[in-house]
């Protein structure tokens, strides 16, 4: 068994698991399970797999500028209107992890939908080289990303089970950055959760940062960061926190840092059982919610219901 390659860029390095693997082994297991190749070896016994029983699930193509945006959605099978959550992927695009998040949310009573923001560029989940993945993802311009999400929201507004008067957004890594940016762009978002959303500019495609648009936030956002995340230095996190305070947004939005933890949530110990991993995440989310006395945002079990 060979150790994986090391990267000089701490942001790229932080995207990968700190476990040894063989290239052949992890490509085979990732392709078979539908997870992103560059995300590393995700074994079936350690990934949360949520069945679709009791749910309505499906896929669609949403017309947008320059093509059709692929989406996947899940909702309770029972008729009704459900609070709605947009799940924005990381740089790997829409793969099985995001689809599973939608099913998890649907199991708890939400209409959840995810998308492939990078569909014009290609299927980034099928690229094994993380440098190539990040390089391609970095070409998606913010204007295009925001326009696509506007089209997605318009699509969801016409879905019979989606209650877009209670519309939230969540995402991890690049998707976590999108949570901040889109909540500043759209007044239709009612709450958001950013999991380790990037805080640095990436010109020319992404010239602004969440710090630059903190004054424009239209709804509460909970930003979750790891204190030992080498890809997002704590000084950047503290600048984001300071921006929220400076513009009076800290009474609704907040930053929570998990001391000593690297990137969340994929760094939960691999030896934990599936049930233990789920309980650990839910306990963390409840702790954050209790810390602010019922902050109106998306976490473990409560979201605008």
Protein backbone atom coordinates (compact mmCIF):
# COMPACT_ATOMS: atom_id res chain seq x y z
CA UNK A 1 0.00 0.00 0.00
CA UNK A 2 1.37 3.39 -1.00
CA UNK A 3 0.96 6.72 0.74
CA UNK A 4 -0.97 9.25 -1.29
CA UNK A 5 0.78 12.17 -2.97
CA UNK A 6 1.47 15.32 -0.98
CA UNK A 7 0.67 18.81 -2.28
CA UNK A 8 2.40 22.11 -1.53
CA UNK A 9 -0.88 24.04 -1.64
CA UNK A 10 -2.48 23.69 1.84
CA UNK A 11 -5.95 24.25 0.39
CA UNK A 12 -5.57 21.30 -2.00
CA UNK A 13 -3.92 19.20 0.71
CA UNK A 14 -6.81 19.86 3.08
CA UNK A 15 -9.28 18.42 0.56
CA UNK A 16 -7.78 14.95 0.80
CA UNK A 17 -8.05 12.33 3.55
CA UNK A 18 -4.98 11.60 5.65
CA UNK A 19 -5.02 7.87 4.95
CA UNK A 20 -2.82 5.66 2.74
CA UNK A 21 -4.32 4.02 -0.33
CA UNK A 22 -3.49 2.50 -3.68
CA UNK A 23 -4.53 4.47 -6.75
CA UNK A 24 -6.15 1.40 -8.33
CA UNK A 25 -8.07 0.57 -5.17
CA UNK A 26 -9.53 3.99 -4.52
CA UNK A 27 -10.47 4.62 -8.17
CA UNK A 28 -12.31 1.30 -8.32
CA UNK A 29 -14.19 1.86 -5.07
CA UNK A 30 -15.05 5.50 -5.86
CA UNK A 31 -16.37 4.72 -9.34
CA UNK A 32 -18.46 1.86 -8.03
CA UNK A 33 -20.05 3.93 -5.28
CA UNK A 34 -20.61 7.15 -7.24
CA UNK A 35 -18.34 9.34 -5.09
CA UNK A 36 -15.82 11.83 -6.50
CA UNK A 37 -12.53 10.25 -7.55
CA UNK A 38 -10.34 13.10 -6.30
CA UNK A 39 -12.00 13.14 -2.88
CA UNK A 40 -10.05 10.04 -1.92
CA UNK A 41 -10.89 6.43 -1.00
CA UNK A 42 -14.40 6.37 0.43
CA UNK A 43 -15.27 2.89 1.59
CA UNK A 44 -18.90 1.84 1.66
CA UNK A 45 -18.70 0.83 5.30
CA UNK A 46 -17.59 4.31 6.44
CA UNK A 47 -19.81 6.47 4.22
CA UNK A 48 -23.36 7.24 5.29
CA UNK A 49 -25.73 5.60 2.83
CA UNK A 50 -29.32 6.80 3.09
CA UNK A 51 -31.95 4.66 1.33
CA UNK A 52 -34.71 6.23 -0.73
CA UNK A 53 -37.58 4.25 0.78
CA UNK A 54 -40.42 6.53 1.85
CA UNK A 55 -39.10 9.28 -0.40
CA UNK A 56 -39.78 10.79 -3.79
CA UNK A 57 -36.41 11.18 -5.50
CA UNK A 58 -35.53 12.18 -9.02
CA UNK A 59 -33.32 14.06 -11.43
CA UNK A 60 -34.03 16.88 -13.85
CA UNK A 61 -32.38 19.32 -16.24
CA UNK A 62 -33.00 23.01 -15.59
CA UNK A 63 -32.57 25.32 -18.61
CA UNK A 64 -29.87 27.93 -17.97
CA UNK A 65 -27.62 30.09 -20.09
CA UNK A 66 -25.44 27.84 -22.23
CA UNK A 67 -27.07 24.52 -21.43
CA UNK A 68 -29.10 22.50 -18.97
CA UNK A 69 -28.23 22.39 -15.27
CA UNK A 70 -28.36 18.83 -13.84
CA UNK A 71 -30.18 18.58 -10.49
CA UNK A 72 -31.17 15.84 -8.07
CA UNK A 73 -33.97 16.20 -5.52
CA UNK A 74 -35.56 14.28 -2.68
CA UNK A 75 -38.70 14.85 -0.62
CA UNK A 76 -40.98 12.86 1.68
CA UNK A 77 -43.37 10.64 -0.28
CA UNK A 78 -46.33 11.99 1.70
CA UNK A 79 -48.15 14.85 -0.04
CA UNK A 80 -47.46 18.30 1.39
CA UNK A 81 -45.33 21.43 1.13
CA UNK A 82 -41.94 21.15 2.80
CA UNK A 83 -39.28 23.64 3.85
CA UNK A 84 -36.68 23.57 1.10
CA UNK A 85 -32.90 23.28 1.22
CA UNK A 86 -30.47 23.85 -1.64
CA UNK A 87 -27.35 21.67 -1.22
CA UNK A 88 -24.37 23.21 -3.04
CA UNK A 89 -21.49 20.81 -3.84
CA UNK A 90 -17.79 21.21 -3.26
CA UNK A 91 -15.34 21.48 -6.19
CA UNK A 92 -15.98 17.85 -7.15
CA UNK A 93 -19.47 18.67 -8.41
CA UNK A 94 -22.63 16.66 -7.88
CA UNK A 95 -21.73 13.15 -6.78
CA UNK A 96 -23.21 10.60 -4.39
CA UNK A 97 -22.32 12.50 -1.22
CA UNK A 98 -24.56 15.45 -2.19
CA UNK A 99 -27.37 13.17 -3.33
CA UNK A 100 -27.18 11.36 -0.01
CA UNK A 101 -27.41 14.66 1.90
CA UNK A 102 -30.63 15.38 -0.01
CA UNK A 103 -32.08 12.02 1.03
CA UNK A 104 -31.03 12.58 4.66
CA UNK A 105 -32.78 15.95 4.69
CA UNK A 106 -35.87 14.46 3.04
CA UNK A 107 -36.00 11.77 5.72
CA UNK A 108 -36.37 14.54 8.32
CA UNK A 109 -39.09 16.39 6.44
CA UNK A 110 -37.47 18.68 3.89
CA UNK A 111 -37.54 19.09 0.14
CA UNK A 112 -33.83 19.05 -0.74
CA UNK A 113 -32.17 19.67 -4.08
CA UNK A 114 -28.56 19.63 -5.27
CA UNK A 115 -26.95 20.62 -8.55
CA UNK A 116 -23.82 20.32 -10.64
CA UNK A 117 -22.46 23.89 -10.82
CA UNK A 118 -19.61 22.77 -13.10
CA UNK A 119 -21.60 20.92 -15.77
CA UNK A 120 -20.37 23.23 -18.56
CA UNK A 121 -16.76 22.38 -17.65
CA UNK A 122 -17.25 18.61 -17.41
CA UNK A 123 -17.93 15.91 -14.84
CA UNK A 124 -15.37 16.86 -12.19
CA UNK A 125 -16.36 13.88 -10.04
CA UNK A 126 -14.69 11.61 -12.62
CA UNK A 127 -11.28 13.36 -12.51
CA UNK A 128 -8.72 11.73 -10.21
CA UNK A 129 -6.20 14.59 -10.12
CA UNK A 130 -7.32 17.07 -7.46
CA UNK A 131 -5.14 19.85 -8.93
CA UNK A 132 -6.97 19.47 -12.22
CA UNK A 133 -10.32 19.45 -10.40
CA UNK A 134 -9.55 22.68 -8.52
CA UNK A 135 -8.13 24.33 -11.63
CA UNK A 136 -11.27 23.60 -13.63
CA UNK A 137 -13.62 24.55 -10.77
CA UNK A 138 -11.81 27.87 -10.44
CA UNK A 139 -12.93 28.87 -13.94
CA UNK A 140 -16.61 29.06 -12.92
CA UNK A 141 -17.38 32.78 -12.71
CA UNK A 142 -19.45 34.07 -9.80
CA UNK A 143 -21.87 35.82 -12.17
CA UNK A 144 -22.60 32.51 -13.87
CA UNK A 145 -22.89 30.66 -10.56
CA UNK A 146 -25.36 33.20 -9.16
CA UNK A 147 -27.42 33.17 -12.36
CA UNK A 148 -27.62 29.37 -12.32
CA UNK A 149 -28.83 29.40 -8.72
CA UNK A 150 -31.47 31.97 -9.61
CA UNK A 151 -32.70 29.56 -12.30
CA UNK A 152 -32.64 26.69 -9.81
CA UNK A 153 -34.74 28.69 -7.33
CA UNK A 154 -37.24 29.49 -10.11
CA UNK A 155 -37.44 25.77 -10.90
CA UNK A 156 -37.99 24.85 -7.25
CA UNK A 157 -40.72 27.46 -6.89
CA UNK A 158 -42.76 25.40 -9.36
CA UNK A 159 -42.29 22.07 -7.58
CA UNK A 160 -45.45 20.88 -5.79
CA UNK A 161 -43.68 19.72 -2.63
CA UNK A 162 -41.29 22.66 -2.21
CA UNK A 163 -42.22 25.48 0.15
CA UNK A 164 -39.89 28.22 -1.05
CA UNK A 165 -41.22 30.67 1.52
CA UNK A 166 -38.95 28.62 3.78
CA UNK A 167 -35.91 28.37 1.55
CA UNK A 168 -32.46 27.62 2.90
CA UNK A 169 -29.05 26.82 1.48
CA UNK A 170 -26.12 24.76 2.69
CA UNK A 171 -22.83 23.65 1.17
CA UNK A 172 -19.31 22.56 1.92
CA UNK A 173 -15.92 23.87 0.74
CA UNK A 174 -16.57 25.74 -2.55
CA UNK A 175 -20.27 25.19 -1.86
CA UNK A 176 -19.80 26.74 1.57
CA UNK A 177 -18.39 29.85 -0.08
CA UNK A 178 -21.42 29.84 -2.37
CA UNK A 179 -23.71 29.86 0.67
CA UNK A 180 -22.25 33.19 1.78
CA UNK A 181 -22.22 34.65 -1.75
CA UNK A 182 -25.73 33.60 -2.74
CA UNK A 183 -27.29 34.66 0.56
CA UNK A 184 -25.83 38.11 -0.15
CA UNK A 185 -27.22 37.99 -3.69
CA UNK A 186 -30.76 36.66 -3.20
CA UNK A 187 -33.48 37.94 -0.89
CA UNK A 188 -35.32 34.64 -1.30
CA UNK A 189 -32.94 32.77 1.00
CA UNK A 190 -34.18 32.63 4.59
CA UNK A 191 -31.20 30.87 6.24
CA UNK A 192 -27.91 29.23 5.36
CA UNK A 193 -25.12 27.05 6.71
CA UNK A 194 -21.61 27.28 5.28
CA UNK A 195 -19.38 24.29 6.03
CA UNK A 196 -15.75 25.49 5.77
CA UNK A 197 -16.59 27.94 2.98
CA UNK A 198 -13.50 29.46 1.36
CA UNK A 199 -12.75 33.08 2.29
CA UNK A 200 -10.01 34.04 -0.18
CA UNK A 201 -10.43 35.69 -3.61
CA UNK A 202 -9.74 33.73 -6.77
CA UNK A 203 -9.54 36.27 -9.62
CA UNK A 204 -10.62 36.66 -12.29
CA UNK A 205 -13.57 34.26 -11.95
CA UNK A 206 -14.20 34.87 -8.24
CA UNK A 207 -12.81 38.33 -7.46
CA UNK A 208 -14.86 38.93 -4.31
CA UNK A 209 -14.93 37.00 -1.05
CA UNK A 210 -17.64 36.37 1.55
CA UNK A 211 -15.91 39.08 3.61
CA UNK A 212 -16.51 41.57 0.79
CA UNK A 213 -20.27 40.88 0.73
CA UNK A 214 -20.90 40.50 4.47
CA UNK A 215 -22.81 43.79 4.51
CA UNK A 216 -25.24 42.47 1.90
CA UNK A 217 -26.36 39.28 3.66
CA UNK A 218 -30.13 38.92 3.35
CA UNK A 219 -30.55 36.16 5.93
CA UNK A 220 -28.76 34.47 8.86
CA UNK A 221 -25.78 32.30 7.97
CA UNK A 222 -23.99 29.89 10.28
CA UNK A 223 -20.34 29.49 9.27
CA UNK A 224 -18.66 26.30 10.53
CA UNK A 225 -14.87 26.07 10.42
CA UNK A 226 -12.11 23.80 11.70
CA UNK A 227 -9.52 25.36 13.98
CA UNK A 228 -6.77 23.20 12.43
CA UNK A 229 -7.92 23.54 8.80
CA UNK A 230 -4.74 24.31 6.85
CA UNK A 231 -6.75 25.44 3.83
CA UNK A 232 -8.62 28.24 5.61
CA UNK A 233 -6.36 30.04 8.11
CA UNK A 234 -7.94 31.24 11.32
CA UNK A 235 -6.98 34.84 10.58
CA UNK A 236 -9.29 34.73 7.54
CA UNK A 237 -12.07 33.26 9.68
CA UNK A 238 -11.59 36.04 12.21
CA UNK A 239 -11.75 38.65 9.45
CA UNK A 240 -15.08 37.18 8.41
CA UNK A 241 -16.29 37.34 11.98
CA UNK A 242 -15.13 40.95 12.25
CA UNK A 243 -16.97 41.85 9.04
CA UNK A 244 -20.21 40.45 10.46
CA UNK A 245 -19.74 42.59 13.57
CA UNK A 246 -18.80 45.70 11.59
CA UNK A 247 -21.99 45.57 9.53
CA UNK A 248 -24.27 44.56 12.38
CA UNK A 249 -24.87 41.10 10.92
CA UNK A 250 -23.55 39.25 13.97
CA UNK A 251 -26.94 39.44 15.71
CA UNK A 252 -28.24 36.91 13.20
CA UNK A 253 -25.23 35.31 11.50
CA UNK A 254 -22.37 33.71 13.40
CA UNK A 255 -19.07 31.88 13.03
CA UNK A 256 -18.31 28.71 14.99
CA UNK A 257 -14.80 27.24 15.04
CA UNK A 258 -14.21 23.64 16.15
CA UNK A 259 -10.96 23.94 18.07
CA UNK A 260 -8.24 21.57 16.91
CA UNK A 261 -10.31 20.04 14.13
CA UNK A 262 -9.22 20.05 10.48
CA UNK A 263 -11.65 20.27 7.59
CA UNK A 264 -15.25 19.35 8.46
CA UNK A 265 -17.05 17.02 8.29
CA UNK A 266 -14.96 14.50 6.33
CA UNK A 267 -12.33 14.34 9.08
CA UNK A 268 -14.49 12.46 11.58
CA UNK A 269 -12.42 9.43 12.63
CA UNK A 270 -12.74 6.58 10.15
CA UNK A 271 -13.08 4.02 12.94
CA UNK A 272 -16.40 5.48 14.05
CA UNK A 273 -19.45 3.49 13.06
CA UNK A 274 -21.99 5.05 10.71
CA UNK A 275 -24.33 5.70 13.65
CA UNK A 276 -21.55 7.28 15.70
CA UNK A 277 -20.54 9.57 12.86
CA UNK A 278 -24.13 10.75 12.41
CA UNK A 279 -24.59 11.29 16.16
CA UNK A 280 -21.29 13.22 16.38
CA UNK A 281 -22.36 15.62 13.65
CA UNK A 282 -25.83 16.08 15.13
CA UNK A 283 -24.37 16.74 18.58
CA UNK A 284 -22.03 19.38 17.15
CA UNK A 285 -24.90 21.07 15.33
CA UNK A 286 -27.11 21.08 18.44
CA UNK A 287 -24.26 22.57 20.47
CA UNK A 288 -23.89 25.42 18.00
CA UNK A 289 -27.63 26.06 17.98
CA UNK A 290 -27.85 26.11 21.77
CA UNK A 291 -24.86 28.48 21.96
CA UNK A 292 -26.88 31.21 20.21
CA UNK A 293 -30.22 30.30 21.81
CA UNK A 294 -32.09 29.10 18.77
CA UNK A 295 -30.36 30.90 15.90
CA UNK A 296 -32.74 30.70 12.96
CA UNK A 297 -30.57 28.66 10.62
CA UNK A 298 -30.05 25.15 9.29
CA UNK A 299 -28.55 22.56 11.61
CA UNK A 300 -29.20 19.02 12.79
CA UNK A 301 -32.94 18.75 13.26
CA UNK A 302 -34.43 22.25 13.01
CA UNK A 303 -34.83 24.38 9.94
CA UNK A 304 -37.69 26.79 9.44
CA UNK A 305 -40.38 24.19 10.12
